[in-house]
Protein backbone atom coordinates (compact mmCIF):
# COMPACT_ATOMS: atom_id res chain seq x y z
CA UNK A 1 -95.00 -89.31 116.67
CA UNK A 2 -94.90 -92.93 115.57
CA UNK A 3 -91.12 -93.02 115.95
CA UNK A 4 -91.45 -91.68 119.51
CA UNK A 5 -93.97 -94.39 120.42
CA UNK A 6 -91.74 -97.07 118.92
CA UNK A 7 -88.68 -95.78 120.79
CA UNK A 8 -90.59 -95.66 124.09
CA UNK A 9 -91.73 -99.25 123.63
CA UNK A 10 -88.20 -100.42 122.75
CA UNK A 11 -86.85 -98.77 125.88
CA UNK A 12 -89.55 -100.39 128.01
CA UNK A 13 -88.30 -103.79 126.87
CA UNK A 14 -85.05 -103.05 128.73
CA UNK A 15 -84.36 -104.48 132.24
CA UNK A 16 -85.11 -100.97 133.59
CA UNK A 17 -87.30 -98.27 132.11
CA UNK A 18 -84.47 -95.77 131.58
CA UNK A 19 -82.32 -96.37 128.50
CA UNK A 20 -80.59 -94.49 125.70
CA UNK A 21 -80.31 -95.37 122.02
CA UNK A 22 -80.51 -96.77 119.50
CA UNK A 23 -76.80 -97.09 118.73
CA UNK A 24 -76.11 -98.61 115.34
CA UNK A 25 -78.92 -100.06 113.24
CA UNK A 26 -80.39 -103.50 112.72
CA UNK A 27 -82.45 -104.12 109.56
CA UNK A 28 -83.63 -107.67 108.85
CA UNK A 29 -86.69 -108.07 106.63
CA UNK A 30 -89.42 -105.89 108.16
CA UNK A 31 -87.60 -105.72 111.52
CA UNK A 32 -85.62 -102.59 112.49
CA UNK A 33 -83.89 -101.54 115.71
CA UNK A 34 -80.50 -101.23 117.39
CA UNK A 35 -78.55 -101.34 120.66
CA UNK A 36 -79.46 -99.47 123.86
CA UNK A 37 -77.61 -98.49 127.03
CA UNK A 38 -78.62 -97.93 130.65
CA UNK A 39 -79.31 -94.24 131.31
CA UNK A 40 -78.01 -94.39 134.88
CA UNK A 41 -74.70 -96.17 134.21
CA UNK A 42 -74.05 -95.82 130.49
CA UNK A 43 -73.51 -99.59 130.27
CA UNK A 44 -74.95 -101.70 127.44
CA UNK A 45 -78.48 -102.79 128.29
CA UNK A 46 -80.11 -104.63 125.38
CA UNK A 47 -80.65 -104.91 121.63
CA UNK A 48 -84.20 -104.65 120.29
CA UNK A 49 -86.11 -104.62 117.01
CA UNK A 50 -89.73 -104.01 116.05
CA UNK A 51 -92.11 -104.54 113.14
CA UNK A 52 -95.46 -102.94 112.38
CA UNK A 53 -98.62 -104.78 111.23
CA UNK A 54 -101.85 -103.78 109.50
CA UNK A 55 -103.90 -104.60 112.58
CA UNK A 56 -102.32 -101.59 114.28
CA UNK A 57 -100.08 -103.67 116.55
CA UNK A 58 -96.30 -103.52 116.68
CA UNK A 59 -94.32 -106.60 117.67
CA UNK A 60 -91.01 -106.23 119.49
CA UNK A 61 -88.16 -108.63 120.22
CA UNK A 62 -85.22 -107.88 122.51
CA UNK A 63 -82.18 -109.60 124.02
CA UNK A 64 -80.59 -108.24 127.19
CA UNK A 65 -76.91 -107.90 128.07
CA UNK A 66 -77.08 -111.28 129.85
CA UNK A 67 -78.78 -112.90 126.82
CA UNK A 68 -82.34 -113.09 128.09
CA UNK A 69 -85.08 -112.84 125.47
CA UNK A 70 -88.34 -110.90 125.48
CA UNK A 71 -91.11 -110.64 122.93
CA UNK A 72 -93.53 -107.72 123.14
CA UNK A 73 -96.75 -106.41 121.59
CA UNK A 74 -97.96 -102.81 121.59
CA UNK A 75 -101.20 -101.22 120.44
CA UNK A 76 -102.12 -97.54 120.92
CA UNK A 77 -105.73 -98.38 121.90
CA UNK A 78 -104.85 -100.80 124.70
CA UNK A 79 -105.51 -99.64 128.27
CA UNK A 80 -103.44 -101.96 130.42
CA UNK A 81 -102.50 -101.58 134.07
CA UNK A 82 -98.67 -101.33 134.27
CA UNK A 83 -97.24 -104.11 136.40
CA UNK A 84 -100.24 -106.40 135.97
CA UNK A 85 -100.04 -109.88 134.42
CA UNK A 86 -102.23 -111.53 131.82
CA UNK A 87 -102.58 -115.15 130.75
CA UNK A 88 -102.43 -115.39 126.96
CA UNK A 89 -102.04 -117.98 124.25
CA UNK A 90 -99.65 -117.86 121.33
CA UNK A 91 -100.65 -120.09 118.40
CA UNK A 92 -98.02 -120.84 115.76
CA UNK A 93 -99.06 -121.98 112.29
CA UNK A 94 -102.47 -122.94 113.74
CA UNK A 95 -100.98 -126.14 115.20
CA UNK A 96 -98.73 -125.27 118.14
CA UNK A 97 -100.53 -123.59 121.05
CA UNK A 98 -98.37 -122.21 123.89
CA UNK A 99 -99.75 -120.70 127.11
CA UNK A 100 -97.75 -117.67 128.29
CA UNK A 101 -97.89 -115.07 131.03
CA UNK A 102 -97.49 -111.50 129.80
CA UNK A 103 -96.58 -108.45 131.85
CA UNK A 104 -97.97 -104.99 131.15
CA UNK A 105 -94.91 -102.75 130.89
CA UNK A 106 -97.05 -99.70 130.05
CA UNK A 107 -100.71 -99.00 129.27
CA UNK A 108 -100.09 -100.02 125.65
CA UNK A 109 -97.28 -102.63 125.85
CA UNK A 110 -97.20 -106.30 126.81
CA UNK A 111 -93.90 -108.17 127.34
CA UNK A 112 -93.41 -111.94 127.46
CA UNK A 113 -90.26 -113.74 128.64
CA UNK A 114 -88.90 -116.09 125.99
CA UNK A 115 -86.29 -118.45 127.53
CA UNK A 116 -83.50 -119.42 125.15
CA UNK A 117 -84.20 -123.16 125.54
CA UNK A 118 -87.99 -122.93 125.46
CA UNK A 119 -90.57 -124.26 123.04
CA UNK A 120 -91.67 -120.65 122.57
CA UNK A 121 -88.46 -119.33 121.02
CA UNK A 122 -88.18 -122.44 118.84
CA UNK A 123 -91.68 -121.91 117.47
CA UNK A 124 -91.03 -118.18 117.03
CA UNK A 125 -87.85 -118.92 115.07
CA UNK A 126 -89.34 -121.63 112.84
CA UNK A 127 -92.95 -120.45 112.49
CA UNK A 128 -94.58 -118.56 109.62
CA UNK A 129 -97.75 -117.31 111.31
CA UNK A 130 -98.47 -116.24 114.89
CA UNK A 131 -101.83 -115.62 116.56
CA UNK A 132 -102.04 -113.76 119.87
CA UNK A 133 -105.16 -114.89 121.72
CA UNK A 134 -106.48 -112.94 124.71
CA UNK A 135 -110.01 -113.83 125.86
CA UNK A 136 -112.15 -113.23 122.78
CA UNK A 137 -109.56 -111.14 120.93
CA UNK A 138 -107.29 -112.66 118.32
CA UNK A 139 -104.49 -110.82 116.51
CA UNK A 140 -102.58 -112.38 113.64
CA UNK A 141 -98.95 -111.71 112.63
CA UNK A 142 -96.81 -112.96 109.76
CA UNK A 143 -93.46 -114.11 111.15
CA UNK A 144 -91.20 -112.70 108.46
CA UNK A 145 -87.43 -113.26 108.72
CA UNK A 146 -87.46 -114.35 112.38
CA UNK A 147 -84.96 -117.11 111.53
CA UNK A 148 -82.48 -114.39 110.45
CA UNK A 149 -83.56 -111.70 112.92
CA UNK A 150 -82.83 -113.65 116.13
CA UNK A 151 -79.15 -114.36 115.24
CA UNK A 152 -78.78 -110.70 114.26
CA UNK A 153 -79.90 -109.69 117.77
CA UNK A 154 -77.45 -112.14 119.35
CA UNK A 155 -74.62 -110.67 117.26
CA UNK A 156 -75.73 -107.15 118.24
CA UNK A 157 -75.55 -108.10 121.94
CA UNK A 158 -72.09 -109.66 121.53
CA UNK A 159 -70.68 -106.67 119.65
CA UNK A 160 -72.26 -104.16 122.05
CA UNK A 161 -70.98 -105.69 125.29
CA UNK A 162 -68.45 -102.87 125.75
CA UNK A 163 -70.76 -100.15 124.40
CA UNK A 164 -70.85 -97.03 126.55
CA UNK A 165 -73.71 -94.56 126.26
CA UNK A 166 -74.41 -91.17 127.84
CA UNK A 167 -75.23 -90.96 131.54
CA UNK A 168 -78.37 -89.08 132.46
CA UNK A 169 -77.80 -87.20 135.77
CA UNK A 170 -81.52 -87.33 136.56
CA UNK A 171 -81.61 -91.09 136.04
CA UNK A 172 -78.49 -91.45 138.18
CA UNK A 173 -80.03 -89.42 140.98
CA UNK A 174 -83.18 -91.54 140.92
CA UNK A 175 -82.27 -94.87 139.30
CA UNK A 176 -84.98 -96.92 140.99
CA UNK A 177 -88.05 -96.58 138.80
CA UNK A 178 -91.01 -98.70 139.99
CA UNK A 179 -90.27 -102.36 139.38
CA UNK A 180 -92.51 -105.36 139.27
CA UNK A 181 -91.84 -108.35 141.50
CA UNK A 182 -90.57 -110.28 138.46
CA UNK A 183 -88.08 -107.51 137.65
CA UNK A 184 -86.84 -107.37 141.24
CA UNK A 185 -86.43 -111.13 141.26
CA UNK A 186 -84.53 -111.06 137.96
CA UNK A 187 -82.17 -108.38 139.30
CA UNK A 188 -81.60 -110.31 142.52
CA UNK A 189 -80.90 -113.52 140.60
CA UNK A 190 -78.48 -111.78 138.25
CA UNK A 191 -76.63 -110.17 141.17
CA UNK A 192 -76.35 -113.55 142.89
CA UNK A 193 -74.81 -115.02 139.71
CA UNK A 194 -72.39 -112.08 139.45
CA UNK A 195 -71.35 -112.48 143.10
CA UNK A 196 -70.83 -116.23 142.70
CA UNK A 197 -68.69 -115.59 139.62
CA UNK A 198 -66.67 -113.00 141.51
CA UNK A 199 -66.06 -115.40 144.42
CA UNK A 200 -64.98 -118.22 142.10
CA UNK A 201 -62.55 -115.91 140.29
CA UNK A 202 -61.18 -114.64 143.61
CA UNK A 203 -60.58 -118.20 144.85
CA UNK A 204 -58.85 -119.14 141.58
CA UNK A 205 -56.72 -116.00 141.74
CA UNK A 206 -55.61 -116.59 145.34
CA UNK A 207 -54.71 -120.20 144.48
CA UNK A 208 -52.58 -118.96 141.59
CA UNK A 209 -50.88 -116.30 143.69
CA UNK A 210 -50.19 -118.82 146.46
CA UNK A 211 -48.65 -121.21 143.95
CA UNK A 212 -46.49 -118.56 142.30
CA UNK A 213 -45.55 -116.67 145.44
CA UNK A 214 -44.88 -119.67 147.69
CA UNK A 215 -41.28 -120.26 146.55
CA UNK A 216 -40.48 -116.59 147.25
CA UNK A 217 -41.63 -116.65 150.88
CA UNK A 218 -38.22 -117.78 152.13
CA UNK A 219 -36.35 -114.98 150.33
CA UNK A 220 -35.36 -111.64 151.78
CA UNK A 221 -37.53 -109.70 149.33
CA UNK A 222 -40.06 -107.34 150.84
CA UNK A 223 -43.64 -108.60 151.06
CA UNK A 224 -44.80 -105.92 148.58
CA UNK A 225 -42.22 -107.10 146.02
CA UNK A 226 -43.26 -110.74 146.41
CA UNK A 227 -46.92 -109.78 146.10
CA UNK A 228 -46.39 -107.76 142.92
CA UNK A 229 -44.27 -110.51 141.37
CA UNK A 230 -46.89 -113.18 142.10
CA UNK A 231 -49.66 -110.94 140.74
CA UNK A 232 -47.78 -110.49 137.48
CA UNK A 233 -47.81 -114.25 136.95
CA UNK A 234 -51.53 -114.30 137.78
CA UNK A 235 -52.48 -111.12 135.93
CA UNK A 236 -55.30 -112.74 133.96
CA UNK A 237 -57.07 -113.73 137.17
CA UNK A 238 -56.45 -110.33 138.79
CA UNK A 239 -57.95 -108.59 135.75
CA UNK A 240 -60.90 -111.00 135.71
CA UNK A 241 -61.65 -110.21 139.35
CA UNK A 242 -61.57 -106.46 138.64
CA UNK A 243 -63.98 -106.97 135.73
CA UNK A 244 -66.33 -109.01 137.93
CA UNK A 245 -66.39 -106.20 140.50
CA UNK A 246 -67.10 -103.66 137.74
CA UNK A 247 -70.03 -105.73 136.49
CA UNK A 248 -71.54 -105.87 139.98
CA UNK A 249 -71.19 -102.10 140.38
CA UNK A 250 -72.79 -101.49 136.99
CA UNK A 251 -75.59 -103.93 137.76
CA UNK A 252 -76.41 -102.06 140.97
CA UNK A 253 -76.66 -98.87 138.90
CA UNK A 254 -76.55 -96.56 141.88
CA UNK A 255 -74.02 -94.33 140.11
CA UNK A 256 -71.94 -94.36 136.94
CA UNK A 257 -68.89 -96.56 137.16
CA UNK A 258 -65.40 -95.23 136.47
CA UNK A 259 -64.04 -98.52 135.19
CA UNK A 260 -60.37 -97.58 135.47
CA UNK A 261 -60.80 -96.30 139.02
CA UNK A 262 -62.58 -99.51 140.02
CA UNK A 263 -59.88 -101.57 138.32
CA UNK A 264 -57.09 -99.72 140.18
CA UNK A 265 -58.90 -100.02 143.51
CA UNK A 266 -59.56 -103.74 142.99
CA UNK A 267 -55.92 -104.39 142.06
CA UNK A 268 -54.68 -102.46 145.09
CA UNK A 269 -57.09 -104.36 147.34
CA UNK A 270 -55.76 -107.67 146.00
CA UNK A 271 -52.19 -106.53 146.61
CA UNK A 272 -53.03 -105.50 150.18
CA UNK A 273 -54.59 -108.91 150.88
CA UNK A 274 -51.62 -110.75 149.38
CA UNK A 275 -49.10 -108.65 151.32
CA UNK A 276 -50.96 -109.35 154.57
CA UNK A 277 -50.99 -113.09 153.78
CA UNK A 278 -47.26 -113.08 153.00
CA UNK A 279 -46.45 -111.33 156.29
CA UNK A 280 -48.65 -113.84 158.14
CA UNK A 281 -47.09 -116.84 156.36
CA UNK A 282 -43.55 -115.63 157.06
CA UNK A 283 -44.42 -115.15 160.72
CA UNK A 284 -45.79 -118.70 160.90
CA UNK A 285 -42.64 -120.06 159.22
CA UNK A 286 -40.44 -118.25 161.75
CA UNK A 287 -42.47 -119.57 164.67
CA UNK A 288 -42.17 -123.14 163.39
CA UNK A 289 -38.40 -122.77 163.13
CA UNK A 290 -38.12 -121.39 166.66
CA UNK A 291 -40.23 -124.23 168.05
CA UNK A 292 -38.11 -127.00 166.53
CA UNK A 293 -36.21 -128.98 169.25
CA UNK A 294 -32.46 -128.56 169.39
CA UNK A 295 -30.47 -131.29 167.65
CA UNK A 296 -29.17 -133.69 170.34
CA UNK A 297 -25.37 -133.83 170.75
CA UNK A 298 -23.60 -136.93 169.52
CA UNK A 299 -22.51 -139.51 172.08
CA UNK A 300 -19.22 -138.68 173.74
CA UNK A 301 -19.30 -134.99 172.90
CA UNK A 302 -19.40 -132.45 175.67
CA UNK A 303 -21.96 -129.76 175.58
CA UNK A 304 -20.43 -126.31 175.22
């Protein structure tokens, strides 16, 4: 029963409520956990660990696929309203007091964002004692091995980037579990970053293809041949664009992503765009040649 409660809380620390795992095992001091994947897509979601305390509370720490940190607290007797927010204080070593806003992920679980460059994660890493203060309630935790645990989570996230888990058909059919406004905003921000990355890669790729394919425009080779040749020279950028498209599809999570199919479709789409551009450029070159004025005859020569 305890293991089921722990697993449920670990999954609720994911970007979405549906996740599978753990895959592998993390053991650092009194912290244990592993890697988790998105139920709807099978893509890596997050790494998380937890530790139990005598006061009946369990503390959780997780890092998502895009390296965002969360710290969580769960107690079986709490009766929280999922989606609500609470203003709390975290006191480290009785000297450093940090105000935080916690989100109720379930009736028994609170989650707090912990930005990588924040005072909070620094105190969590370096501290020895943590007090969670909520109104008149105060819970105390010994921060054992956090200095070693946080790097272990980062390494887990790096090694699990290509992890693929099972896809749950039910989760795929209904991937949109209720989300808080903060979760929706996080997803929108992440998608905007992914789209900007995709556009930058596409621009870099087209510049490369234009540079490599330009000298071949004046040849008699077919446009498809020129396009394929230029894409070979710019293969790294073509592959990067396909990967960016895959990441956007997986982020949307509407259905599982067949990575190879997406890669083939993206590559073919690039080739089609390049071929069209080559045909257009050759047409413009021909028009410029036809519009050039005839060379005037030299003095004394008769026109034929």
